[in-house]
PDB file of N, CA and C in Angstrom:
ATOM      1  N   UNK A   1    -183.685-157.364  31.295  1.00  0.00           N
ATOM      2  CA  UNK A   1    -184.273-156.878  30.050  1.00  0.00           C
ATOM      3  C   UNK A   1    -185.372-157.839  29.600  1.00  0.00           C
ATOM      4  N   UNK A   2    -186.299-157.309  28.877  1.00  0.00           N
ATOM      5  CA  UNK A   2    -187.429-158.097  28.397  1.00  0.00           C
ATOM      6  C   UNK A   2    -186.993-159.022  27.267  1.00  0.00           C
ATOM      7  N   UNK A   3    -187.284-160.328  27.370  1.00  0.00           N
ATOM      8  CA  UNK A   3    -186.919-161.256  26.298  1.00  0.00           C
ATOM      9  C   UNK A   3    -187.479-160.796  24.949  1.00  0.00           C
ATOM     10  N   UNK A   4    -186.660-160.964  23.897  1.00  0.00           N
ATOM     11  CA  UNK A   4    -187.066-160.565  22.561  1.00  0.00           C
ATOM     12  C   UNK A   4    -186.664-159.151  22.186  1.00  0.00           C
ATOM     13  N   UNK A   5    -186.151-158.371  23.153  1.00  0.00           N
ATOM     14  CA  UNK A   5    -185.733-157.000  22.853  1.00  0.00           C
ATOM     15  C   UNK A   5    -184.240-156.951  22.552  1.00  0.00           C
ATOM     16  N   UNK A   6    -183.808-155.862  21.929  1.00  0.00           N
ATOM     17  CA  UNK A   6    -182.389-155.672  21.650  1.00  0.00           C
ATOM     18  C   UNK A   6    -181.586-155.639  22.952  1.00  0.00           C
ATOM     19  N   UNK A   7    -182.115-154.973  23.964  1.00  0.00           N
ATOM     20  CA  UNK A   7    -181.420-154.914  25.256  1.00  0.00           C
ATOM     21  C   UNK A   7    -181.192-156.312  25.822  1.00  0.00           C
ATOM     22  N   UNK A   8    -182.186-157.176  25.710  1.00  0.00           N
ATOM     23  CA  UNK A   8    -182.053-158.543  26.205  1.00  0.00           C
ATOM     24  C   UNK A   8    -180.993-159.309  25.422  1.00  0.00           C
ATOM     25  N   UNK A   9    -180.931-159.057  24.116  1.00  0.00           N
ATOM     26  CA  UNK A   9    -179.979-159.764  23.265  1.00  0.00           C
ATOM     27  C   UNK A   9    -178.526-159.367  23.568  1.00  0.00           C
ATOM     28  N   UNK A  10    -178.276-158.094  23.879  1.00  0.00           N
ATOM     29  CA  UNK A  10    -176.890-157.640  24.076  1.00  0.00           C
ATOM     30  C   UNK A  10    -176.468-157.578  25.545  1.00  0.00           C
ATOM     31  N   UNK A  11    -177.412-157.649  26.471  1.00  0.00           N
ATOM     32  CA  UNK A  11    -177.075-157.559  27.896  1.00  0.00           C
ATOM     33  C   UNK A  11    -176.382-158.831  28.370  1.00  0.00           C
ATOM     34  N   UNK A  12    -175.449-158.654  29.310  1.00  0.00           N
ATOM     35  CA  UNK A  12    -174.773-159.805  29.914  1.00  0.00           C
ATOM     36  C   UNK A  12    -175.425-160.126  31.256  1.00  0.00           C
ATOM     37  N   UNK A  13    -175.570-161.396  31.534  1.00  0.00           N
ATOM     38  CA  UNK A  13    -176.132-161.844  32.814  1.00  0.00           C
ATOM     39  C   UNK A  13    -175.068-161.698  33.897  1.00  0.00           C
ATOM     40  N   UNK A  14    -175.426-161.109  35.044  1.00  0.00           N
ATOM     41  CA  UNK A  14    -174.503-160.991  36.170  1.00  0.00           C
ATOM     42  C   UNK A  14    -175.063-161.747  37.360  1.00  0.00           C
ATOM     43  N   UNK A  15    -174.185-162.166  38.247  1.00  0.00           N
ATOM     44  CA  UNK A  15    -174.604-162.946  39.415  1.00  0.00           C
ATOM     45  C   UNK A  15    -175.521-162.150  40.340  1.00  0.00           C
ATOM     46  N   UNK A  16    -175.276-160.833  40.466  1.00  0.00           N
ATOM     47  CA  UNK A  16    -176.073-160.032  41.402  1.00  0.00           C
ATOM     48  C   UNK A  16    -177.175-159.222  40.715  1.00  0.00           C
ATOM     49  N   UNK A  17    -177.362-159.404  39.400  1.00  0.00           N
ATOM     50  CA  UNK A  17    -178.445-158.723  38.695  1.00  0.00           C
ATOM     51  C   UNK A  17    -178.176-157.271  38.358  1.00  0.00           C
ATOM     52  N   UNK A  18    -176.927-156.822  38.419  1.00  0.00           N
ATOM     53  CA  UNK A  18    -176.631-155.431  38.100  1.00  0.00           C
ATOM     54  C   UNK A  18    -176.541-155.224  36.597  1.00  0.00           C
ATOM     55  N   UNK A  19    -176.814-154.005  36.180  1.00  0.00           N
ATOM     56  CA  UNK A  19    -176.706-153.597  34.789  1.00  0.00           C
ATOM     57  C   UNK A  19    -175.908-152.303  34.761  1.00  0.00           C
ATOM     58  N   UNK A  20    -174.792-152.288  34.013  1.00  0.00           N
ATOM     59  CA  UNK A  20    -173.952-151.091  33.896  1.00  0.00           C
ATOM     60  C   UNK A  20    -174.284-150.381  32.590  1.00  0.00           C
ATOM     61  N   UNK A  21    -174.621-149.091  32.692  1.00  0.00           N
ATOM     62  CA  UNK A  21    -174.981-148.289  31.530  1.00  0.00           C
ATOM     63  C   UNK A  21    -173.914-147.226  31.310  1.00  0.00           C
ATOM     64  N   UNK A  22    -173.309-147.203  30.120  1.00  0.00           N
ATOM     65  CA  UNK A  22    -172.326-146.176  29.799  1.00  0.00           C
ATOM     66  C   UNK A  22    -173.016-144.953  29.226  1.00  0.00           C
ATOM     67  N   UNK A  23    -172.755-143.788  29.802  1.00  0.00           N
ATOM     68  CA  UNK A  23    -173.330-142.532  29.333  1.00  0.00           C
ATOM     69  C   UNK A  23    -172.200-141.536  29.115  1.00  0.00           C
ATOM     70  N   UNK A  24    -172.432-140.428  28.407  1.00  0.00           N
ATOM     71  CA  UNK A  24    -171.388-139.414  28.251  1.00  0.00           C
ATOM     72  C   UNK A  24    -170.902-138.859  29.592  1.00  0.00           C
ATOM     73  N   UNK A  25    -171.741-138.902  30.612  1.00  0.00           N
ATOM     74  CA  UNK A  25    -171.355-138.393  31.927  1.00  0.00           C
ATOM     75  C   UNK A  25    -170.664-139.436  32.788  1.00  0.00           C
ATOM     76  N   UNK A  26    -170.588-140.666  32.332  1.00  0.00           N
ATOM     77  CA  UNK A  26    -169.943-141.725  33.114  1.00  0.00           C
ATOM     78  C   UNK A  26    -170.759-143.003  33.101  1.00  0.00           C
ATOM     79  N   UNK A  27    -170.397-143.910  33.970  1.00  0.00           N
ATOM     80  CA  UNK A  27    -171.067-145.208  34.052  1.00  0.00           C
ATOM     81  C   UNK A  27    -172.072-145.177  35.193  1.00  0.00           C
ATOM     82  N   UNK A  28    -173.275-145.648  34.913  1.00  0.00           N
ATOM     83  CA  UNK A  28    -174.309-145.763  35.941  1.00  0.00           C
ATOM     84  C   UNK A  28    -174.586-147.247  36.140  1.00  0.00           C
ATOM     85  N   UNK A  29    -174.546-147.697  37.389  1.00  0.00           N
ATOM     86  CA  UNK A  29    -174.849-149.085  37.711  1.00  0.00           C
ATOM     87  C   UNK A  29    -176.255-149.147  38.291  1.00  0.00           C
ATOM     88  N   UNK A  30    -177.101-150.004  37.731  1.00  0.00           N
ATOM     89  CA  UNK A  30    -178.467-150.167  38.225  1.00  0.00           C
ATOM     90  C   UNK A  30    -178.665-151.598  38.694  1.00  0.00           C
ATOM     91  N   UNK A  31    -179.637-151.777  39.553  1.00  0.00           N
ATOM     92  CA  UNK A  31    -179.930-153.112  40.072  1.00  0.00           C
ATOM     93  C   UNK A  31    -181.401-153.160  40.465  1.00  0.00           C
ATOM     94  N   UNK A  32    -182.106-154.203  40.063  1.00  0.00           N
ATOM     95  CA  UNK A  32    -183.494-154.409  40.470  1.00  0.00           C
ATOM     96  C   UNK A  32    -183.514-155.563  41.463  1.00  0.00           C
ATOM     97  N   UNK A  33    -184.061-155.301  42.642  1.00  0.00           N
ATOM     98  CA  UNK A  33    -184.101-156.332  43.682  1.00  0.00           C
ATOM     99  C   UNK A  33    -185.541-156.509  44.167  1.00  0.00           C
ATOM    100  N   UNK A  34    -185.928-157.731  44.534  1.00  0.00           N
ATOM    101  CA  UNK A  34    -187.282-157.942  45.061  1.00  0.00           C
ATOM    102  C   UNK A  34    -187.459-157.225  46.397  1.00  0.00           C
ATOM    103  N   UNK A  35    -188.558-156.534  46.549  1.00  0.00           N
ATOM    104  CA  UNK A  35    -188.880-155.882  47.815  1.00  0.00           C
ATOM    105  C   UNK A  35    -189.794-156.819  48.604  1.00  0.00           C
ATOM    106  N   UNK A  36    -189.469-157.116  49.868  1.00  0.00           N
ATOM    107  CA  UNK A  36    -190.245-158.103  50.632  1.00  0.00           C
ATOM    108  C   UNK A  36    -191.717-157.736  50.825  1.00  0.00           C
ATOM    109  N   UNK A  37    -192.038-156.445  50.946  1.00  0.00           N
ATOM    110  CA  UNK A  37    -193.422-156.042  51.215  1.00  0.00           C
ATOM    111  C   UNK A  37    -194.121-155.443  50.001  1.00  0.00           C
ATOM    112  N   UNK A  38    -193.562-155.629  48.813  1.00  0.00           N
ATOM    113  CA  UNK A  38    -194.116-154.987  47.622  1.00  0.00           C
ATOM    114  C   UNK A  38    -194.188-155.991  46.472  1.00  0.00           C
ATOM    115  N   UNK A  39    -195.201-155.864  45.636  1.00  0.00           N
ATOM    116  CA  UNK A  39    -195.364-156.789  44.516  1.00  0.00           C
ATOM    117  C   UNK A  39    -194.378-156.512  43.381  1.00  0.00           C
ATOM    118  N   UNK A  40    -193.886-155.275  43.282  1.00  0.00           N
ATOM    119  CA  UNK A  40    -192.956-154.934  42.199  1.00  0.00           C
ATOM    120  C   UNK A  40    -191.537-154.771  42.750  1.00  0.00           C
ATOM    121  N   UNK A  41    -190.529-154.963  41.894  1.00  0.00           N
ATOM    122  CA  UNK A  41    -189.145-154.842  42.373  1.00  0.00           C
ATOM    123  C   UNK A  41    -188.758-153.394  42.665  1.00  0.00           C
ATOM    124  N   UNK A  42    -187.761-153.234  43.491  1.00  0.00           N
ATOM    125  CA  UNK A  42    -187.193-151.927  43.793  1.00  0.00           C
ATOM    126  C   UNK A  42    -186.000-151.718  42.872  1.00  0.00           C
ATOM    127  N   UNK A  43    -185.877-150.534  42.299  1.00  0.00           N
ATOM    128  CA  UNK A  43    -184.758-150.237  41.406  1.00  0.00           C
ATOM    129  C   UNK A  43    -183.755-149.362  42.144  1.00  0.00           C
ATOM    130  N   UNK A  44    -182.495-149.776  42.112  1.00  0.00           N
ATOM    131  CA  UNK A  44    -181.424-149.023  42.756  1.00  0.00           C
ATOM    132  C   UNK A  44    -180.517-148.431  41.691  1.00  0.00           C
ATOM    133  N   UNK A  45    -180.060-147.200  41.880  1.00  0.00           N
ATOM    134  CA  UNK A  45    -179.100-146.568  40.978  1.00  0.00           C
ATOM    135  C   UNK A  45    -177.850-146.203  41.763  1.00  0.00           C
ATOM    136  N   UNK A  46    -176.704-146.512  41.197  1.00  0.00           N
ATOM    137  CA  UNK A  46    -175.427-146.180  41.820  1.00  0.00           C
ATOM    138  C   UNK A  46    -174.617-145.384  40.819  1.00  0.00           C
ATOM    139  N   UNK A  47    -174.165-144.207  41.174  1.00  0.00           N
ATOM    140  CA  UNK A  47    -173.315-143.413  40.280  1.00  0.00           C
ATOM    141  C   UNK A  47    -171.881-143.853  40.508  1.00  0.00           C
ATOM    142  N   UNK A  48    -171.206-144.339  39.445  1.00  0.00           N
ATOM    143  CA  UNK A  48    -169.890-144.939  39.616  1.00  0.00           C
ATOM    144  C   UNK A  48    -168.747-144.146  39.000  1.00  0.00           C
ATOM    145  N   UNK A  49    -169.024-143.262  38.071  1.00  0.00           N
ATOM    146  CA  UNK A  49    -167.933-142.561  37.406  1.00  0.00           C
ATOM    147  C   UNK A  49    -168.259-141.077  37.311  1.00  0.00           C
ATOM    148  N   UNK A  50    -167.293-140.257  37.671  1.00  0.00           N
ATOM    149  CA  UNK A  50    -167.452-138.813  37.560  1.00  0.00           C
ATOM    150  C   UNK A  50    -166.077-138.163  37.563  1.00  0.00           C
ATOM    151  N   UNK A  51    -165.982-136.968  37.051  1.00  0.00           N
ATOM    152  CA  UNK A  51    -164.714-136.261  37.052  1.00  0.00           C
ATOM    153  C   UNK A  51    -164.417-135.790  38.473  1.00  0.00           C
ATOM    154  N   UNK A  52    -163.240-136.083  38.962  1.00  0.00           N
ATOM    155  CA  UNK A  52    -162.867-135.641  40.306  1.00  0.00           C
ATOM    156  C   UNK A  52    -161.837-134.524  40.270  1.00  0.00           C
ATOM    157  N   UNK A  53    -161.212-134.285  39.112  1.00  0.00           N
ATOM    158  CA  UNK A  53    -160.228-133.211  39.014  1.00  0.00           C
ATOM    159  C   UNK A  53    -159.991-132.860  37.556  1.00  0.00           C
ATOM    160  N   UNK A  54    -159.544-131.629  37.333  1.00  0.00           N
ATOM    161  CA  UNK A  54    -159.116-131.194  36.009  1.00  0.00           C
ATOM    162  C   UNK A  54    -157.766-130.532  36.199  1.00  0.00           C
ATOM    163  N   UNK A  55    -156.832-130.878  35.346  1.00  0.00           N
ATOM    164  CA  UNK A  55    -155.489-130.319  35.490  1.00  0.00           C
ATOM    165  C   UNK A  55    -154.923-129.951  34.130  1.00  0.00           C
ATOM    166  N   UNK A  56    -154.048-128.954  34.125  1.00  0.00           N
ATOM    167  CA  UNK A  56    -153.312-128.562  32.930  1.00  0.00           C
ATOM    168  C   UNK A  56    -151.841-128.564  33.275  1.00  0.00           C
ATOM    169  N   UNK A  57    -151.030-129.028  32.347  1.00  0.00           N
ATOM    170  CA  UNK A  57    -149.588-129.079  32.553  1.00  0.00           C
ATOM    171  C   UNK A  57    -148.937-128.219  31.486  1.00  0.00           C
ATOM    172  N   UNK A  58    -148.229-127.176  31.913  1.00  0.00           N
ATOM    173  CA  UNK A  58    -147.530-126.287  30.993  1.00  0.00           C
ATOM    174  C   UNK A  58    -146.080-126.735  30.914  1.00  0.00           C
ATOM    175  N   UNK A  59    -145.643-127.108  29.714  1.00  0.00           N
ATOM    176  CA  UNK A  59    -144.282-127.602  29.514  1.00  0.00           C
ATOM    177  C   UNK A  59    -143.539-126.585  28.660  1.00  0.00           C
ATOM    178  N   UNK A  60    -142.451-126.009  29.183  1.00  0.00           N
ATOM    179  CA  UNK A  60    -141.712-125.018  28.399  1.00  0.00           C
ATOM    180  C   UNK A  60    -140.980-125.669  27.225  1.00  0.00           C
ATOM    181  N   UNK A  61    -140.858-124.914  26.134  1.00  0.00           N
ATOM    182  CA  UNK A  61    -140.109-125.381  24.970  1.00  0.00           C
ATOM    183  C   UNK A  61    -138.632-125.142  25.253  1.00  0.00           C
ATOM    184  N   UNK A  62    -137.809-126.165  25.093  1.00  0.00           N
ATOM    185  CA  UNK A  62    -136.373-126.029  25.319  1.00  0.00           C
ATOM    186  C   UNK A  62    -135.717-125.431  24.082  1.00  0.00           C
ATOM    187  N   UNK A  63    -134.794-124.512  24.289  1.00  0.00           N
ATOM    188  CA  UNK A  63    -134.098-123.856  23.179  1.00  0.00           C
ATOM    189  C   UNK A  63    -133.354-124.890  22.342  1.00  0.00           C
ATOM    190  N   UNK A  64    -133.505-124.793  21.014  1.00  0.00           N
ATOM    191  CA  UNK A  64    -132.834-125.725  20.127  1.00  0.00           C
ATOM    192  C   UNK A  64    -133.594-127.014  19.888  1.00  0.00           C
ATOM    193  N   UNK A  65    -134.730-127.198  20.536  1.00  0.00           N
ATOM    194  CA  UNK A  65    -135.546-128.414  20.356  1.00  0.00           C
ATOM    195  C   UNK A  65    -136.816-128.050  19.594  1.00  0.00           C
ATOM    196  N   UNK A  66    -137.293-128.934  18.727  1.00  0.00           N
ATOM    197  CA  UNK A  66    -138.563-128.640  18.038  1.00  0.00           C
ATOM    198  C   UNK A  66    -139.728-128.632  19.024  1.00  0.00           C
ATOM    199  N   UNK A  67    -140.694-127.770  18.751  1.00  0.00           N
ATOM    200  CA  UNK A  67    -141.851-127.644  19.644  1.00  0.00           C
ATOM    201  C   UNK A  67    -142.801-128.806  19.484  1.00  0.00           C
TER     202      UNK A  67
END
């Protein structure tokens, strides 16, 4: 993050330079790495969280027990 910005103030430094972003759709991990043949860094995106299943459990009400 750029020094002096809110992102820079709240971001945590990591050993490998990754940045984890929480979104309503899940967590996205990003990383900027130097490219050997390019003057600007390469940005990598990794999708880390997504729904893999949805389930419903139907539980019968037992007679004589509150619902």
